[in-house]
């Protein structure tokens, strides 16, 4: 295998990992925004916000903790 093809493979791997990171970041931002909007519309009620987003209360609480969202800010 030539050095050119190795460089090309590494470049492709780097581009794929960057694309994956950007896609994951975008999805997380959308999810976080949806959760915050749901909390705002329910005045901080996590049970109602979880229902709006389509998650169980437990998963909603886990993801809120993951994204640094405190439901008490929206009361």
N, C-alpha and C. Protein backbone atom coordinates (compact mmCIF):
# COMPACT_ATOMS: atom_id res chain seq x y z
N UNK A 1 0.85 -1.17 0.00
CA UNK A 1 0.00 0.00 0.00
C UNK A 1 0.89 1.23 0.00
N UNK A 2 0.60 2.16 -0.86
CA UNK A 2 1.44 3.36 -0.96
C UNK A 2 1.11 4.33 0.17
N UNK A 3 2.03 5.26 0.39
CA UNK A 3 1.82 6.25 1.45
C UNK A 3 0.66 7.18 1.11
N UNK A 4 0.45 7.41 -0.19
CA UNK A 4 -0.66 8.25 -0.61
C UNK A 4 -2.01 7.65 -0.22
N UNK A 5 -2.14 6.33 -0.42
CA UNK A 5 -3.42 5.69 -0.09
C UNK A 5 -3.62 5.63 1.42
N UNK A 6 -2.52 5.52 2.18
CA UNK A 6 -2.65 5.55 3.64
C UNK A 6 -3.11 6.93 4.11
N UNK A 7 -2.53 7.98 3.54
CA UNK A 7 -2.93 9.34 3.90
C UNK A 7 -4.39 9.58 3.54
N UNK A 8 -4.78 9.08 2.39
CA UNK A 8 -6.16 9.25 1.94
C UNK A 8 -7.13 8.52 2.87
N UNK A 9 -6.74 7.33 3.32
CA UNK A 9 -7.58 6.56 4.24
C UNK A 9 -7.71 7.29 5.57
N UNK A 10 -6.60 7.80 6.10
CA UNK A 10 -6.64 8.54 7.36
C UNK A 10 -7.51 9.78 7.23
N UNK A 11 -7.37 10.47 6.11
CA UNK A 11 -8.17 11.68 5.89
C UNK A 11 -9.65 11.33 5.86
N UNK A 12 -9.99 10.25 5.20
CA UNK A 12 -11.38 9.80 5.14
C UNK A 12 -11.89 9.44 6.54
N UNK A 13 -11.06 8.74 7.32
CA UNK A 13 -11.45 8.38 8.68
C UNK A 13 -11.68 9.62 9.54
N UNK A 14 -10.82 10.61 9.38
CA UNK A 14 -10.96 11.85 10.15
C UNK A 14 -12.24 12.57 9.75
N UNK A 15 -12.49 12.66 8.45
CA UNK A 15 -13.70 13.34 7.99
C UNK A 15 -14.96 12.63 8.47
N UNK A 16 -14.94 11.31 8.46
CA UNK A 16 -16.10 10.56 8.95
C UNK A 16 -16.32 10.78 10.44
N UNK A 17 -15.25 10.83 11.21
CA UNK A 17 -15.40 11.04 12.65
C UNK A 17 -15.86 12.47 12.95
N UNK A 18 -15.41 13.44 12.15
CA UNK A 18 -15.87 14.82 12.32
C UNK A 18 -17.35 14.91 11.98
N UNK A 19 -17.77 14.27 10.89
CA UNK A 19 -19.19 14.27 10.51
C UNK A 19 -20.04 13.64 11.61
N UNK A 20 -19.56 12.54 12.18
CA UNK A 20 -20.29 11.86 13.26
C UNK A 20 -20.43 12.79 14.45
N UNK A 21 -19.35 13.48 14.82
CA UNK A 21 -19.38 14.38 15.97
C UNK A 21 -20.37 15.52 15.73
N UNK A 22 -20.31 16.12 14.54
CA UNK A 22 -21.21 17.24 14.24
C UNK A 22 -22.67 16.80 14.23
N UNK A 23 -22.93 15.61 13.69
CA UNK A 23 -24.30 15.10 13.66
C UNK A 23 -24.80 14.84 15.07
N UNK A 24 -23.96 14.22 15.89
CA UNK A 24 -24.34 13.93 17.27
C UNK A 24 -24.59 15.23 18.04
N UNK A 25 -23.74 16.22 17.84
CA UNK A 25 -23.88 17.51 18.50
C UNK A 25 -25.18 18.19 18.09
N UNK A 26 -25.51 18.13 16.81
CA UNK A 26 -26.74 18.75 16.31
C UNK A 26 -27.96 18.07 16.90
N UNK A 27 -27.95 16.75 16.94
CA UNK A 27 -29.09 16.00 17.49
C UNK A 27 -29.25 16.32 18.97
N UNK A 28 -28.15 16.38 19.70
CA UNK A 28 -28.22 16.69 21.13
C UNK A 28 -28.77 18.10 21.36
N UNK A 29 -28.37 19.05 20.53
CA UNK A 29 -28.89 20.42 20.67
C UNK A 29 -30.38 20.47 20.40
N UNK A 30 -30.83 19.76 19.39
CA UNK A 30 -32.26 19.74 19.08
C UNK A 30 -33.03 19.11 20.23
N UNK A 31 -32.52 18.00 20.74
CA UNK A 31 -33.18 17.31 21.85
C UNK A 31 -33.22 18.20 23.09
N UNK A 32 -32.13 18.86 23.37
CA UNK A 32 -32.07 19.75 24.54
C UNK A 32 -33.08 20.90 24.38
N UNK A 33 -33.13 21.49 23.21
CA UNK A 33 -34.06 22.59 22.96
C UNK A 33 -35.51 22.13 23.12
N UNK A 34 -35.84 20.93 22.62
CA UNK A 34 -37.20 20.40 22.77
C UNK A 34 -37.55 20.21 24.25
N UNK A 35 -36.59 19.72 25.01
CA UNK A 35 -36.83 19.50 26.44
C UNK A 35 -37.05 20.83 27.17
N UNK A 36 -36.23 21.82 26.85
CA UNK A 36 -36.38 23.14 27.48
C UNK A 36 -37.72 23.76 27.10
N UNK A 37 -38.09 23.67 25.83
CA UNK A 37 -39.39 24.21 25.40
C UNK A 37 -40.55 23.52 26.11
N UNK A 38 -40.45 22.21 26.28
CA UNK A 38 -41.51 21.47 26.98
C UNK A 38 -41.58 21.90 28.44
N UNK A 39 -40.44 22.09 29.07
CA UNK A 39 -40.43 22.54 30.47
C UNK A 39 -41.00 23.95 30.60
N UNK A 40 -40.69 24.81 29.64
CA UNK A 40 -41.25 26.17 29.67
C UNK A 40 -42.77 26.14 29.54
N UNK A 41 -43.26 25.32 28.62
CA UNK A 41 -44.70 25.29 28.38
C UNK A 41 -45.47 24.62 29.51
N UNK A 42 -44.79 23.79 30.31
CA UNK A 42 -45.46 23.14 31.44
C UNK A 42 -45.07 23.76 32.78
N UNK A 43 -44.38 24.90 32.70
CA UNK A 43 -43.94 25.62 33.90
C UNK A 43 -43.14 24.72 34.85
N UNK A 44 -42.24 23.93 34.29
CA UNK A 44 -41.32 23.12 35.09
C UNK A 44 -41.85 21.78 35.53
N UNK A 45 -43.03 21.39 35.05
CA UNK A 45 -43.60 20.09 35.43
C UNK A 45 -42.94 19.00 34.58
N UNK A 46 -42.05 18.22 35.22
CA UNK A 46 -41.28 17.22 34.48
C UNK A 46 -42.14 16.10 33.91
N UNK A 47 -43.17 15.71 34.63
CA UNK A 47 -44.03 14.62 34.15
C UNK A 47 -44.74 15.03 32.85
N UNK A 48 -45.29 16.24 32.85
CA UNK A 48 -45.98 16.73 31.64
C UNK A 48 -45.00 16.98 30.50
N UNK A 49 -43.84 17.52 30.84
CA UNK A 49 -42.82 17.79 29.81
C UNK A 49 -42.33 16.49 29.18
N UNK A 50 -42.16 15.47 29.99
CA UNK A 50 -41.72 14.17 29.47
C UNK A 50 -42.75 13.60 28.51
N UNK A 51 -44.02 13.78 28.85
CA UNK A 51 -45.10 13.28 27.99
C UNK A 51 -45.11 14.02 26.65
N UNK A 52 -44.88 15.34 26.69
CA UNK A 52 -44.85 16.13 25.46
C UNK A 52 -43.72 15.68 24.55
N UNK A 53 -42.56 15.44 25.13
CA UNK A 53 -41.38 15.04 24.36
C UNK A 53 -41.46 13.58 23.92
N UNK A 54 -42.25 12.79 24.64
CA UNK A 54 -42.40 11.39 24.27
C UNK A 54 -41.41 10.47 24.98
N UNK A 55 -41.02 10.87 26.18
CA UNK A 55 -40.11 10.06 26.98
C UNK A 55 -40.78 9.70 28.30
N UNK A 56 -40.25 8.67 28.94
CA UNK A 56 -40.72 8.38 30.29
C UNK A 56 -40.11 9.44 31.22
N UNK A 57 -40.69 9.60 32.39
CA UNK A 57 -40.16 10.57 33.35
C UNK A 57 -38.71 10.25 33.71
N UNK A 58 -38.42 8.97 33.84
CA UNK A 58 -37.07 8.55 34.21
C UNK A 58 -36.05 8.92 33.12
N UNK A 59 -36.39 8.64 31.89
CA UNK A 59 -35.47 8.99 30.78
C UNK A 59 -35.35 10.50 30.63
N UNK A 60 -36.45 11.19 30.80
CA UNK A 60 -36.43 12.65 30.71
C UNK A 60 -35.49 13.21 31.78
N UNK A 61 -35.61 12.71 33.01
CA UNK A 61 -34.76 13.19 34.11
C UNK A 61 -33.29 12.87 33.84
N UNK A 62 -33.02 11.68 33.30
CA UNK A 62 -31.64 11.29 32.98
C UNK A 62 -31.05 12.25 31.94
N UNK A 63 -31.80 12.50 30.88
CA UNK A 63 -31.30 13.37 29.82
C UNK A 63 -31.20 14.82 30.28
N UNK A 64 -32.12 15.24 31.13
CA UNK A 64 -32.04 16.60 31.67
C UNK A 64 -30.75 16.75 32.47
N UNK A 65 -30.42 15.77 33.26
CA UNK A 65 -29.18 15.79 34.02
C UNK A 65 -27.97 15.79 33.08
N UNK A 66 -28.05 14.98 32.02
CA UNK A 66 -26.97 14.88 31.03
C UNK A 66 -26.71 16.23 30.36
N UNK A 67 -27.78 16.97 30.04
CA UNK A 67 -27.65 18.25 29.35
C UNK A 67 -27.55 19.44 30.31
N UNK A 68 -27.58 19.19 31.60
CA UNK A 68 -27.46 20.27 32.57
C UNK A 68 -28.72 21.11 32.70
N UNK A 69 -29.87 20.50 32.50
CA UNK A 69 -31.15 21.20 32.59
C UNK A 69 -31.73 20.97 33.99
N UNK A 70 -32.05 22.06 34.67
CA UNK A 70 -32.68 21.97 35.99
C UNK A 70 -34.13 22.42 35.86
N UNK A 71 -35.06 21.50 36.08
CA UNK A 71 -36.47 21.82 35.88
C UNK A 71 -36.94 22.95 36.79
N UNK A 72 -36.28 23.16 37.91
CA UNK A 72 -36.70 24.20 38.85
C UNK A 72 -36.52 25.61 38.27
N UNK A 73 -35.65 25.76 37.28
CA UNK A 73 -35.45 27.08 36.64
C UNK A 73 -36.69 27.52 35.90
N UNK A 74 -37.57 26.60 35.56
CA UNK A 74 -38.71 26.92 34.70
C UNK A 74 -40.02 27.01 35.47
N UNK A 75 -39.95 27.03 36.78
CA UNK A 75 -41.16 27.16 37.59
C UNK A 75 -41.51 28.60 37.80
